[in-house]
Amino acid sequence: MADPDYAFARDVATRYVQANFAPSDCLAVVLINKQTPAVIQRITTAQKIAGSDFQAWLQHRNAQRFEIYLSMNALHDGAHSRTKADVATIRHIYLDFDHNGDEAVRTLFFKRPDLPTPSFAVNTSPGRWQVIWQVEGFGKEGAETLQRALARETGADPAATDCARVLRLPGFFNHKHARPYLVRMEAHAALAGTVYRPSQFPRLSLDERLPYPPATGTHALNGHRPEPGALSQSERDWAYAKRALARGESPAIVAAAIASYRRFEKHNPKYYAELTVQKAALALKASPTPADEVQDRT
């Protein structure tokens, strides 16, 4: 615990919880010691979690090499578990970047005018980020659908899109590396208290509404075939790549997103993704996507 920034981070978790939740929100705090491995879960109110006693307990456990996580959506009062059924209110839309995080965050903040400015960016370790929007008016299915589509577009972790997800709590150390890394937060739209509604996020096209895993995997395993005339998954990948490139997104980010979604279906998903992006770039050069199609994504 020798990090010189730690002395300035002791109230970070408190401020983060207070900024993101109502005092009465019921939340899950999950502590994981990946050496033991031991797991501790506490479900209580945001007000109690932000309090000095609870924070002192978290600091003590963090010093014992427990990783500290917090649920991003409010649970039902009296909940005893953290499942999708236990989620009462959607408070956030979020993305978790384990790869190319620095570039992905720059893209979200400076190259995506179709997306609202994120509320927080949380740096969990070198090159790894969580991006969070404070929201209201979302249902559970709508939130998960949007997160799956955004994960695909940005190369974020597609497994971190369920509404019962826990993410790292800023102000504590990440012990996964040789040297503990202090999880830091950057507040952006949250400084103005901005809370976004579904209408402020881009509309999703038909192929973006498809859940992960894609139809060519899940339905094929269950003996189902696509409807006649339906686009194949490869065609949807190509169409997505063309739209993303037309918005000016990095080919590397686009390829990483496709490879992540196709990692269980292709022998070499990286090669497949890069080839798809190359073909989409050639098609875009031959026939540029109209600006209104790029913005509306319909």
Protein backbone atom coordinates (compact mmCIF):
# COMPACT_ATOMS: atom_id res chain seq x y z
CA MET A 1 0.00 0.00 0.00
CA ALA A 2 2.87 2.32 -0.74
CA ASP A 3 1.24 4.09 -3.68
CA PRO A 4 1.64 7.83 -3.01
CA ASP A 5 -1.74 8.53 -4.61
CA TYR A 6 -3.53 6.38 -2.05
CA ALA A 7 -3.68 9.17 0.52
CA PHE A 8 -5.69 11.24 -1.96
CA ALA A 9 -8.01 8.36 -2.87
CA ARG A 10 -9.58 7.59 0.49
CA ASP A 11 -12.78 9.49 -0.26
CA VAL A 12 -12.97 8.50 -3.95
CA ALA A 13 -15.20 5.49 -3.35
CA THR A 14 -17.55 7.51 -1.14
CA ARG A 15 -17.89 10.28 -3.73
CA TYR A 16 -18.36 7.73 -6.52
CA VAL A 17 -21.19 5.92 -4.71
CA GLN A 18 -22.89 9.16 -3.73
CA ALA A 19 -22.70 10.49 -7.30
CA ASN A 20 -24.08 7.35 -8.91
CA PHE A 21 -26.86 6.17 -6.61
CA ALA A 22 -29.72 7.36 -4.44
CA PRO A 23 -28.99 6.90 -0.71
CA SER A 24 -31.73 4.26 -0.41
CA ASP A 25 -30.60 2.22 -3.43
CA CYS A 26 -29.93 -1.40 -2.50
CA LEU A 27 -26.55 -2.50 -3.88
CA ALA A 28 -24.25 -5.50 -3.78
CA VAL A 29 -20.61 -5.16 -2.80
CA VAL A 30 -18.52 -8.16 -3.85
CA LEU A 31 -15.03 -8.87 -2.51
CA ILE A 32 -12.87 -11.52 -4.18
CA ASN A 33 -9.50 -12.77 -3.06
CA LYS A 34 -8.09 -14.44 -6.14
CA GLN A 35 -5.28 -16.10 -4.23
CA THR A 36 -7.48 -17.94 -1.74
CA PRO A 37 -10.01 -17.77 -3.52
CA ALA A 38 -12.55 -16.36 -1.08
CA VAL A 39 -15.69 -14.43 -1.99
CA ILE A 40 -17.64 -12.09 0.29
CA GLN A 41 -20.89 -10.43 -0.77
CA ARG A 42 -22.72 -7.77 1.20
CA ILE A 43 -26.05 -6.29 0.09
CA THR A 44 -26.98 -3.00 1.71
CA THR A 45 -27.87 0.61 0.90
CA ALA A 46 -25.72 3.06 -1.00
CA GLN A 47 -25.80 5.35 2.03
CA LYS A 48 -24.27 2.66 4.24
CA ILE A 49 -21.69 1.68 1.62
CA ALA A 50 -20.56 5.31 1.33
CA GLY A 51 -20.28 5.63 5.12
CA SER A 52 -16.98 5.76 6.97
CA ASP A 53 -17.43 2.44 8.80
CA PHE A 54 -18.17 0.45 5.67
CA GLN A 55 -15.36 2.18 3.78
CA ALA A 56 -12.91 1.36 6.58
CA TRP A 57 -13.94 -2.30 6.36
CA LEU A 58 -13.41 -2.27 2.58
CA GLN A 59 -9.97 -0.69 2.99
CA HIS A 60 -9.06 -3.36 5.53
CA ARG A 61 -10.14 -6.15 3.17
CA ASN A 62 -8.44 -4.51 0.22
CA ALA A 63 -5.18 -4.49 2.22
CA GLN A 64 -5.69 -8.27 2.55
CA ARG A 65 -5.64 -8.49 -1.28
CA PHE A 66 -9.41 -8.62 -1.78
CA GLU A 67 -10.60 -7.06 -5.05
CA ILE A 68 -13.53 -4.66 -4.50
CA TYR A 69 -16.54 -4.62 -6.84
CA LEU A 70 -19.92 -2.84 -6.78
CA SER A 71 -23.19 -3.61 -8.57
CA MET A 72 -24.02 -0.94 -11.14
CA ASN A 73 -27.80 -1.16 -10.88
CA ALA A 74 -30.10 -1.00 -7.86
CA LEU A 75 -31.55 -4.21 -6.46
CA HIS A 76 -34.96 -4.81 -4.97
CA ASP A 77 -35.28 -3.91 -1.29
CA GLY A 78 -34.58 -6.98 0.80
CA ALA A 79 -32.72 -8.79 -2.00
CA HIS A 80 -30.50 -11.61 -0.81
CA SER A 81 -28.78 -12.35 -4.13
CA ARG A 82 -27.53 -10.53 -7.21
CA THR A 83 -29.29 -11.95 -10.25
CA LYS A 84 -31.11 -10.31 -13.12
CA ALA A 85 -34.39 -10.98 -11.33
CA ASP A 86 -33.07 -9.08 -8.30
CA VAL A 87 -32.40 -5.90 -10.32
CA ALA A 88 -35.05 -3.27 -9.60
CA THR A 89 -33.78 -0.11 -11.34
CA ILE A 90 -31.31 0.46 -14.16
CA ARG A 91 -28.94 3.22 -13.08
CA HIS A 92 -26.14 2.78 -15.63
CA ILE A 93 -25.10 1.75 -19.11
CA TYR A 94 -21.50 0.52 -19.05
CA LEU A 95 -18.69 -0.98 -21.10
CA ASP A 96 -15.62 -2.88 -19.86
CA PHE A 97 -12.45 -2.68 -21.96
CA ASP A 98 -9.81 -5.33 -21.33
CA HIS A 99 -8.01 -4.71 -24.63
CA ASN A 100 -7.07 -1.50 -26.46
CA GLY A 101 -8.75 0.41 -23.66
CA ASP A 102 -6.86 3.69 -24.06
CA GLU A 103 -7.74 3.99 -27.75
CA ALA A 104 -11.32 2.85 -27.17
CA VAL A 105 -11.87 5.52 -24.49
CA ARG A 106 -10.44 8.23 -26.74
CA THR A 107 -12.82 7.12 -29.48
CA LEU A 108 -15.85 7.26 -27.18
CA PHE A 109 -15.02 10.75 -25.93
CA PHE A 110 -13.77 12.41 -29.11
CA LYS A 111 -14.94 10.44 -32.17
CA ARG A 112 -18.49 9.35 -31.37
CA PRO A 113 -20.81 12.36 -31.65
CA ASP A 114 -23.73 9.94 -31.87
CA LEU A 115 -23.13 8.88 -28.25
CA PRO A 116 -23.65 11.05 -25.16
CA THR A 117 -20.56 11.98 -23.17
CA PRO A 118 -19.84 9.24 -20.62
CA SER A 119 -20.41 10.11 -16.98
CA PHE A 120 -17.32 8.33 -15.68
CA ALA A 121 -14.24 6.60 -17.01
CA VAL A 122 -12.63 4.24 -14.50
CA ASN A 123 -9.03 3.15 -15.09
CA THR A 124 -8.76 -0.32 -13.53
CA SER A 125 -5.19 -1.15 -14.61
CA PRO A 126 -2.78 -0.06 -17.38
CA GLY A 127 -4.74 0.10 -20.63
CA ARG A 128 -7.97 -1.20 -19.09
CA TRP A 129 -11.04 0.95 -18.56
CA GLN A 130 -14.68 0.90 -17.57
CA VAL A 131 -16.88 3.53 -19.23
CA ILE A 132 -20.14 4.41 -17.51
CA TRP A 133 -23.21 6.48 -18.38
CA GLN A 134 -25.73 7.46 -15.70
CA VAL A 135 -29.21 6.76 -17.04
CA GLU A 136 -32.91 6.61 -16.23
CA GLY A 137 -35.93 5.24 -18.06
CA PHE A 138 -34.26 1.99 -19.19
CA GLY A 139 -35.74 -1.45 -18.69
CA LYS A 140 -33.47 -4.43 -18.11
CA GLU A 141 -33.81 -5.84 -21.62
CA GLY A 142 -33.30 -2.45 -23.24
CA ALA A 143 -30.16 -1.80 -21.23
CA GLU A 144 -28.65 -5.18 -22.03
CA THR A 145 -29.49 -4.88 -25.74
CA LEU A 146 -27.79 -1.48 -25.94
CA GLN A 147 -24.74 -2.72 -24.04
CA ARG A 148 -24.36 -5.75 -26.31
CA ALA A 149 -24.53 -3.54 -29.41
CA LEU A 150 -22.08 -1.00 -28.00
CA ALA A 151 -19.71 -3.77 -26.91
CA ARG A 152 -19.70 -5.11 -30.43
CA GLU A 153 -19.09 -1.69 -31.94
CA THR A 154 -16.32 -0.67 -29.58
CA GLY A 155 -14.49 -3.92 -28.84
CA ALA A 156 -15.58 -3.96 -25.19
CA ASP A 157 -15.99 -7.23 -23.33
CA PRO A 158 -19.26 -8.80 -24.60
CA ALA A 159 -19.52 -10.88 -21.42
CA ALA A 160 -19.79 -7.74 -19.27
CA THR A 161 -23.18 -6.63 -20.56
CA ASP A 162 -25.66 -8.19 -18.13
CA CYS A 163 -27.60 -5.79 -15.93
CA ALA A 164 -26.58 -7.56 -12.70
CA ARG A 165 -22.88 -6.96 -13.40
CA VAL A 166 -20.47 -5.71 -10.76
CA LEU A 167 -17.58 -3.42 -11.74
CA ARG A 168 -14.51 -2.33 -9.82
CA LEU A 169 -15.01 0.37 -7.23
CA PRO A 170 -12.58 3.30 -7.66
CA GLY A 171 -10.30 4.19 -4.76
CA PHE A 172 -9.12 0.64 -4.06
CA PHE A 173 -6.20 -1.41 -5.32
CA ASN A 174 -6.32 -3.95 -8.12
CA HIS A 175 -4.10 -6.84 -6.96
CA LYS A 176 -4.06 -8.80 -10.21
CA HIS A 177 -0.64 -7.43 -11.15
CA ALA A 178 2.78 -7.75 -9.57
CA ARG A 179 2.47 -4.22 -8.21
CA PRO A 180 -0.96 -3.19 -6.85
CA TYR A 181 -2.67 -0.68 -9.12
CA LEU A 182 -4.89 2.03 -7.67
CA VAL A 183 -8.24 2.09 -9.50
CA ARG A 184 -8.83 5.70 -10.52
CA MET A 185 -11.88 7.51 -11.84
CA GLU A 186 -12.37 10.44 -14.17
CA ALA A 187 -15.70 12.26 -13.81
CA HIS A 188 -17.03 13.85 -16.98
CA ALA A 189 -20.74 14.42 -17.65
CA ALA A 190 -21.32 13.41 -14.03
CA LEU A 191 -19.85 16.73 -12.92
CA ALA A 192 -22.97 18.46 -14.23
CA GLY A 193 -25.26 15.80 -12.79
CA THR A 194 -26.31 14.71 -16.28
CA VAL A 195 -28.56 11.64 -16.43
CA TYR A 196 -29.33 10.24 -19.89
CA ARG A 197 -32.52 8.70 -21.26
CA PRO A 198 -32.84 5.99 -23.95
CA SER A 199 -33.70 8.57 -26.64
CA GLN A 200 -30.24 10.11 -26.23
CA PHE A 201 -28.49 6.93 -27.38
CA PRO A 202 -28.37 5.85 -31.04
CA ARG A 203 -31.14 3.73 -32.48
CA LEU A 204 -30.11 0.17 -33.19
CA SER A 205 -30.45 -1.54 -36.54
CA LEU A 206 -31.90 -5.03 -36.85
CA ASP A 207 -28.55 -6.82 -36.87
CA GLU A 208 -27.41 -4.84 -33.77
CA ARG A 209 -30.48 -6.03 -31.84
CA LEU A 210 -29.42 -9.65 -32.20
CA PRO A 211 -28.19 -11.07 -28.88
CA TYR A 212 -24.80 -12.63 -28.36
CA PRO A 213 -23.94 -15.39 -29.31
CA PRO A 214 -25.08 -14.67 -32.89
CA ALA A 215 -27.76 -16.73 -34.59
CA THR A 216 -25.34 -18.79 -36.65
CA GLY A 217 -23.96 -20.22 -33.41
CA THR A 218 -26.78 -20.52 -30.89
CA HIS A 219 -29.60 -21.40 -33.28
CA ALA A 220 -27.41 -23.81 -35.24
CA LEU A 221 -26.59 -25.69 -32.04
CA ASN A 222 -30.31 -25.96 -31.30
CA GLY A 223 -31.11 -27.24 -34.77
CA HIS A 224 -32.64 -23.98 -36.05
CA ARG A 225 -31.82 -22.36 -39.38
CA PRO A 226 -32.04 -18.69 -40.29
CA GLU A 227 -35.22 -17.54 -42.01
CA PRO A 228 -35.05 -17.54 -45.83
CA GLY A 229 -33.61 -14.24 -47.05
CA ALA A 230 -32.11 -13.38 -43.67
CA LEU A 231 -28.60 -11.98 -43.56
CA SER A 232 -25.85 -14.37 -42.56
CA GLN A 233 -23.68 -13.48 -39.58
CA SER A 234 -20.78 -12.77 -41.94
CA GLU A 235 -22.96 -10.29 -43.84
CA ARG A 236 -23.96 -8.61 -40.58
CA ASP A 237 -20.29 -8.40 -39.56
CA TRP A 238 -19.44 -6.80 -42.89
CA ALA A 239 -22.33 -4.31 -42.63
CA TYR A 240 -21.34 -3.37 -39.09
CA ALA A 241 -17.70 -2.87 -40.13
CA LYS A 242 -18.73 -0.64 -43.03
CA ARG A 243 -20.87 1.58 -40.79
CA ALA A 244 -18.20 1.82 -38.09
CA LEU A 245 -15.46 2.71 -40.57
CA ALA A 246 -17.74 5.33 -42.13
CA ARG A 247 -17.99 6.98 -38.73
CA GLY A 248 -14.21 7.23 -38.70
CA GLU A 249 -13.55 4.51 -36.12
CA SER A 250 -10.16 2.81 -36.04
CA PRO A 251 -9.98 -0.37 -38.17
CA ALA A 252 -8.15 -2.04 -35.27
CA ILE A 253 -11.01 -1.29 -32.87
CA VAL A 254 -13.61 -2.51 -35.38
CA ALA A 255 -11.66 -5.71 -36.02
CA ALA A 256 -11.23 -6.32 -32.28
CA ALA A 257 -14.99 -5.99 -31.77
CA ILE A 258 -15.79 -8.52 -34.50
CA ALA A 259 -13.09 -10.94 -33.33
CA SER A 260 -14.42 -10.78 -29.78
CA TYR A 261 -17.97 -11.65 -30.88
CA ARG A 262 -16.83 -14.42 -33.19
CA ARG A 263 -14.18 -15.93 -30.95
CA PHE A 264 -16.16 -19.14 -30.35
CA GLU A 265 -17.15 -19.65 -33.99
CA LYS A 266 -14.05 -19.06 -36.07
CA HIS A 267 -10.85 -21.08 -36.13
CA ASN A 268 -8.91 -17.81 -36.41
CA PRO A 269 -11.27 -14.99 -35.35
CA LYS A 270 -8.53 -12.34 -35.57
CA TYR A 271 -7.78 -13.17 -39.21
CA TYR A 272 -11.50 -13.36 -40.04
CA ALA A 273 -12.17 -9.99 -38.40
CA GLU A 274 -9.26 -8.25 -40.12
CA LEU A 275 -10.31 -9.66 -43.50
CA THR A 276 -13.90 -8.51 -42.91
CA VAL A 277 -12.71 -4.99 -42.09
CA GLN A 278 -10.48 -4.91 -45.20
CA LYS A 279 -13.42 -5.91 -47.40
CA ALA A 280 -15.67 -3.35 -45.73
CA ALA A 281 -13.05 -0.63 -46.26
CA LEU A 282 -12.83 -1.47 -49.97
CA ALA A 283 -16.63 -1.42 -50.28
CA LEU A 284 -16.81 1.90 -48.43
CA LYS A 285 -14.19 3.40 -50.71
CA ALA A 286 -16.16 2.28 -53.76
CA SER A 287 -19.52 3.40 -52.39
CA PRO A 288 -19.35 5.72 -49.32
CA THR A 289 -22.11 5.37 -46.75
CA PRO A 290 -24.42 8.44 -46.71
CA ALA A 291 -23.97 10.64 -43.64
CA ASP A 292 -27.59 10.29 -42.54
CA GLU A 293 -27.31 6.49 -42.60
CA VAL A 294 -24.20 6.66 -40.45
CA GLN A 295 -25.79 8.91 -37.88
CA ASP A 296 -29.17 7.17 -37.64
CA ARG A 297 -27.79 3.62 -37.89
CA THR A 298 -31.14 2.35 -39.18
